[in-house]
Each structure stands twice: as C-alpha cells, then as structure tokens.
Amino acid sequence: MATKNEPYRFNYQALDKFLVQDYDPKLLGDQLDELMTDLVHVSKDEPDFGRSLSEHHYLLRNLRDIFWQKLPKA
C-alpha cells in the first residue's frame, strides 16, 4: 500500500497475462462494444436512465477503445 508521499502502483501482471494468454485485445474490445449495447438496452426502462448509464458507458467505451487501438509494430 502506498504511503502519503508515495503513489499507489497497480501490479498489471495478471491483466497482462489475461490479455496475452487468454484474450485477444481486439476480441475483448468487441465484447465490450456488445456489452455497451446490452447495457443501453437493459437500462432503457430505468428511471435514472441517463445519469448512471452515461458513467458506465463512458468507462466501457474508453476501455474498448484502448483494446481496439492499433499497436505499433515491433
């Protein structure tokens, strides 16, 4: 855990392993895109449709775009 003067650093090893061995990033982006569509469909009848949905949709869209970005060739 980080101290007051030291920033918190997340260990990304498990996420990196997940993306390298278990999922192709483009496939994961495709699944996040489908999830966003499902989220809108399921939430359309909720009374606070616009507020909570927009926050979830924004997060999912940012993650999707990260996974969809083309990586430079090594």
N, C-alpha and C. Protein backbone atom coordinates (compact mmCIF):
# COMPACT_ATOMS: atom_id res chain seq x y z
N MET A 1 0.84 -1.18 0.00
CA MET A 1 0.00 0.00 0.00
C MET A 1 0.89 1.24 0.00
N ALA A 2 0.46 2.25 -0.70
CA ALA A 2 1.23 3.49 -0.84
C ALA A 2 1.15 4.32 0.43
N THR A 3 2.23 5.02 0.69
CA THR A 3 2.24 5.96 1.81
C THR A 3 1.72 7.31 1.33
N LYS A 4 1.69 8.25 2.23
CA LYS A 4 1.19 9.59 1.90
C LYS A 4 1.97 10.22 0.76
N ASN A 5 3.29 10.04 0.74
CA ASN A 5 4.14 10.67 -0.26
C ASN A 5 4.46 9.76 -1.45
N GLU A 6 4.00 8.52 -1.38
CA GLU A 6 4.31 7.56 -2.44
C GLU A 6 3.02 7.16 -3.16
N PRO A 7 2.99 7.32 -4.47
CA PRO A 7 1.76 6.98 -5.20
C PRO A 7 1.52 5.47 -5.23
N TYR A 8 0.26 5.10 -5.30
CA TYR A 8 -0.12 3.69 -5.41
C TYR A 8 0.23 3.19 -6.80
N ARG A 9 0.81 2.04 -6.89
CA ARG A 9 1.16 1.43 -8.18
C ARG A 9 0.48 0.07 -8.27
N PHE A 10 -0.31 -0.10 -9.30
CA PHE A 10 -1.04 -1.36 -9.50
C PHE A 10 -0.13 -2.35 -10.22
N ASN A 11 -0.19 -3.61 -9.82
CA ASN A 11 0.56 -4.67 -10.47
C ASN A 11 -0.28 -5.20 -11.63
N TYR A 12 0.16 -4.93 -12.84
CA TYR A 12 -0.59 -5.29 -14.04
C TYR A 12 -0.24 -6.66 -14.60
N GLN A 13 0.53 -7.46 -13.87
CA GLN A 13 0.95 -8.75 -14.39
C GLN A 13 -0.23 -9.66 -14.70
N ALA A 14 -1.22 -9.75 -13.82
CA ALA A 14 -2.37 -10.61 -14.06
C ALA A 14 -3.16 -10.14 -15.28
N LEU A 15 -3.33 -8.84 -15.43
CA LEU A 15 -4.04 -8.30 -16.60
C LEU A 15 -3.25 -8.57 -17.87
N ASP A 16 -1.96 -8.39 -17.82
CA ASP A 16 -1.11 -8.65 -18.98
C ASP A 16 -1.19 -10.12 -19.39
N LYS A 17 -1.12 -11.02 -18.42
CA LYS A 17 -1.24 -12.45 -18.70
C LYS A 17 -2.60 -12.76 -19.31
N PHE A 18 -3.65 -12.17 -18.75
CA PHE A 18 -5.01 -12.37 -19.25
C PHE A 18 -5.11 -11.96 -20.72
N LEU A 19 -4.53 -10.82 -21.06
CA LEU A 19 -4.61 -10.32 -22.43
C LEU A 19 -3.71 -11.08 -23.39
N VAL A 20 -2.59 -11.56 -22.92
CA VAL A 20 -1.65 -12.26 -23.80
C VAL A 20 -2.06 -13.72 -23.98
N GLN A 21 -2.44 -14.38 -22.90
CA GLN A 21 -2.70 -15.81 -22.97
C GLN A 21 -4.17 -16.18 -23.13
N ASP A 22 -5.06 -15.37 -22.61
CA ASP A 22 -6.47 -15.75 -22.57
C ASP A 22 -7.35 -15.03 -23.58
N TYR A 23 -7.05 -13.78 -23.89
CA TYR A 23 -7.91 -12.99 -24.76
C TYR A 23 -7.09 -12.17 -25.73
N ASP A 24 -7.56 -12.11 -26.93
CA ASP A 24 -7.01 -11.18 -27.89
C ASP A 24 -7.61 -9.81 -27.57
N PRO A 25 -6.80 -8.74 -27.49
CA PRO A 25 -7.35 -7.43 -27.16
C PRO A 25 -8.48 -6.98 -28.09
N LYS A 26 -8.39 -7.27 -29.39
CA LYS A 26 -9.46 -6.87 -30.30
C LYS A 26 -10.75 -7.60 -29.94
N LEU A 27 -10.67 -8.88 -29.63
CA LEU A 27 -11.85 -9.65 -29.23
C LEU A 27 -12.45 -9.08 -27.95
N LEU A 28 -11.59 -8.71 -27.01
CA LEU A 28 -12.08 -8.11 -25.78
C LEU A 28 -12.77 -6.78 -26.07
N GLY A 29 -12.21 -5.97 -26.97
CA GLY A 29 -12.86 -4.72 -27.38
C GLY A 29 -14.21 -4.98 -28.01
N ASP A 30 -14.30 -6.01 -28.85
CA ASP A 30 -15.58 -6.37 -29.46
C ASP A 30 -16.61 -6.74 -28.39
N GLN A 31 -16.18 -7.50 -27.39
CA GLN A 31 -17.09 -7.90 -26.32
C GLN A 31 -17.53 -6.70 -25.49
N LEU A 32 -16.63 -5.77 -25.24
CA LEU A 32 -17.01 -4.55 -24.52
C LEU A 32 -18.01 -3.73 -25.32
N ASP A 33 -17.85 -3.70 -26.64
CA ASP A 33 -18.78 -2.99 -27.50
C ASP A 33 -20.18 -3.62 -27.42
N GLU A 34 -20.24 -4.94 -27.44
CA GLU A 34 -21.52 -5.63 -27.30
C GLU A 34 -22.13 -5.38 -25.93
N LEU A 35 -21.29 -5.37 -24.91
CA LEU A 35 -21.75 -5.11 -23.56
C LEU A 35 -22.37 -3.72 -23.43
N MET A 36 -21.78 -2.73 -24.09
CA MET A 36 -22.34 -1.37 -24.06
C MET A 36 -23.73 -1.36 -24.69
N THR A 37 -23.90 -2.07 -25.79
CA THR A 37 -25.22 -2.14 -26.45
C THR A 37 -26.22 -2.82 -25.52
N ASP A 38 -25.81 -3.91 -24.89
CA ASP A 38 -26.70 -4.61 -23.95
C ASP A 38 -27.05 -3.72 -22.76
N LEU A 39 -26.09 -2.96 -22.29
CA LEU A 39 -26.32 -2.07 -21.15
C LEU A 39 -27.38 -1.03 -21.48
N VAL A 40 -27.30 -0.45 -22.66
CA VAL A 40 -28.29 0.54 -23.08
C VAL A 40 -29.66 -0.13 -23.18
N HIS A 41 -29.71 -1.30 -23.79
CA HIS A 41 -30.98 -2.00 -23.97
C HIS A 41 -31.63 -2.35 -22.63
N VAL A 42 -30.86 -2.88 -21.70
CA VAL A 42 -31.40 -3.30 -20.41
C VAL A 42 -31.78 -2.10 -19.55
N SER A 43 -31.05 -1.01 -19.67
CA SER A 43 -31.26 0.15 -18.81
C SER A 43 -32.32 1.12 -19.31
N LYS A 44 -32.83 0.93 -20.49
CA LYS A 44 -33.71 1.95 -21.08
C LYS A 44 -34.98 2.21 -20.27
N ASP A 45 -35.40 1.28 -19.47
CA ASP A 45 -36.62 1.47 -18.68
C ASP A 45 -36.35 1.92 -17.25
N GLU A 46 -35.09 2.14 -16.91
CA GLU A 46 -34.74 2.59 -15.56
C GLU A 46 -35.06 4.08 -15.40
N PRO A 47 -35.52 4.50 -14.22
CA PRO A 47 -35.87 5.91 -14.02
C PRO A 47 -34.68 6.87 -14.15
N ASP A 48 -33.48 6.42 -13.80
CA ASP A 48 -32.30 7.30 -13.91
C ASP A 48 -31.47 6.94 -15.14
N PHE A 49 -32.13 6.59 -16.21
CA PHE A 49 -31.52 6.08 -17.44
C PHE A 49 -30.30 6.88 -17.88
N GLY A 50 -30.38 8.16 -17.94
CA GLY A 50 -29.29 8.98 -18.47
C GLY A 50 -28.10 9.13 -17.55
N ARG A 51 -28.32 9.20 -16.25
CA ARG A 51 -27.23 9.52 -15.33
C ARG A 51 -26.27 8.36 -15.11
N SER A 52 -26.73 7.28 -14.53
CA SER A 52 -25.81 6.19 -14.21
C SER A 52 -25.31 5.50 -15.46
N LEU A 53 -26.15 5.42 -16.47
CA LEU A 53 -25.74 4.75 -17.71
C LEU A 53 -24.58 5.48 -18.37
N SER A 54 -24.62 6.79 -18.38
CA SER A 54 -23.56 7.53 -19.08
C SER A 54 -22.20 7.30 -18.44
N GLU A 55 -22.14 7.16 -17.11
CA GLU A 55 -20.87 6.91 -16.44
C GLU A 55 -20.34 5.52 -16.80
N HIS A 56 -21.21 4.52 -16.78
CA HIS A 56 -20.81 3.16 -17.12
C HIS A 56 -20.42 3.07 -18.60
N HIS A 57 -21.19 3.73 -19.43
CA HIS A 57 -20.95 3.70 -20.87
C HIS A 57 -19.61 4.37 -21.19
N TYR A 58 -19.32 5.47 -20.52
CA TYR A 58 -18.06 6.19 -20.73
C TYR A 58 -16.87 5.30 -20.38
N LEU A 59 -16.94 4.63 -19.24
CA LEU A 59 -15.86 3.75 -18.82
C LEU A 59 -15.67 2.60 -19.80
N LEU A 60 -16.75 1.95 -20.18
CA LEU A 60 -16.66 0.84 -21.13
C LEU A 60 -16.13 1.29 -22.48
N ARG A 61 -16.57 2.46 -22.94
CA ARG A 61 -16.11 2.97 -24.24
C ARG A 61 -14.61 3.25 -24.21
N ASN A 62 -14.13 3.83 -23.11
CA ASN A 62 -12.69 4.09 -23.00
C ASN A 62 -11.89 2.79 -22.99
N LEU A 63 -12.36 1.80 -22.25
CA LEU A 63 -11.67 0.50 -22.25
C LEU A 63 -11.71 -0.14 -23.62
N ARG A 64 -12.86 -0.10 -24.27
CA ARG A 64 -13.00 -0.67 -25.61
C ARG A 64 -12.00 -0.03 -26.56
N ASP A 65 -11.92 1.29 -26.52
CA ASP A 65 -11.02 2.00 -27.44
C ASP A 65 -9.55 1.67 -27.16
N ILE A 66 -9.20 1.44 -25.90
CA ILE A 66 -7.83 1.04 -25.57
C ILE A 66 -7.52 -0.31 -26.21
N PHE A 67 -8.45 -1.25 -26.09
CA PHE A 67 -8.22 -2.57 -26.65
C PHE A 67 -8.28 -2.58 -28.17
N TRP A 68 -9.00 -1.65 -28.75
CA TRP A 68 -9.12 -1.60 -30.20
C TRP A 68 -7.97 -0.84 -30.87
N GLN A 69 -7.20 -0.06 -30.12
CA GLN A 69 -6.16 0.72 -30.76
C GLN A 69 -5.10 -0.18 -31.38
N LYS A 70 -4.59 0.26 -32.49
CA LYS A 70 -3.55 -0.50 -33.17
C LYS A 70 -2.22 -0.25 -32.49
N LEU A 71 -1.55 -1.33 -32.18
CA LEU A 71 -0.26 -1.21 -31.54
C LEU A 71 0.82 -1.06 -32.59
N PRO A 72 1.87 -0.31 -32.29
CA PRO A 72 2.96 -0.16 -33.27
C PRO A 72 3.65 -1.51 -33.47
N LYS A 73 4.12 -1.72 -34.67
CA LYS A 73 4.84 -2.97 -34.98
C LYS A 73 6.19 -2.96 -34.30
N ALA A 74 6.55 -4.09 -33.74
CA ALA A 74 7.83 -4.18 -33.01
C ALA A 74 8.99 -4.30 -33.97
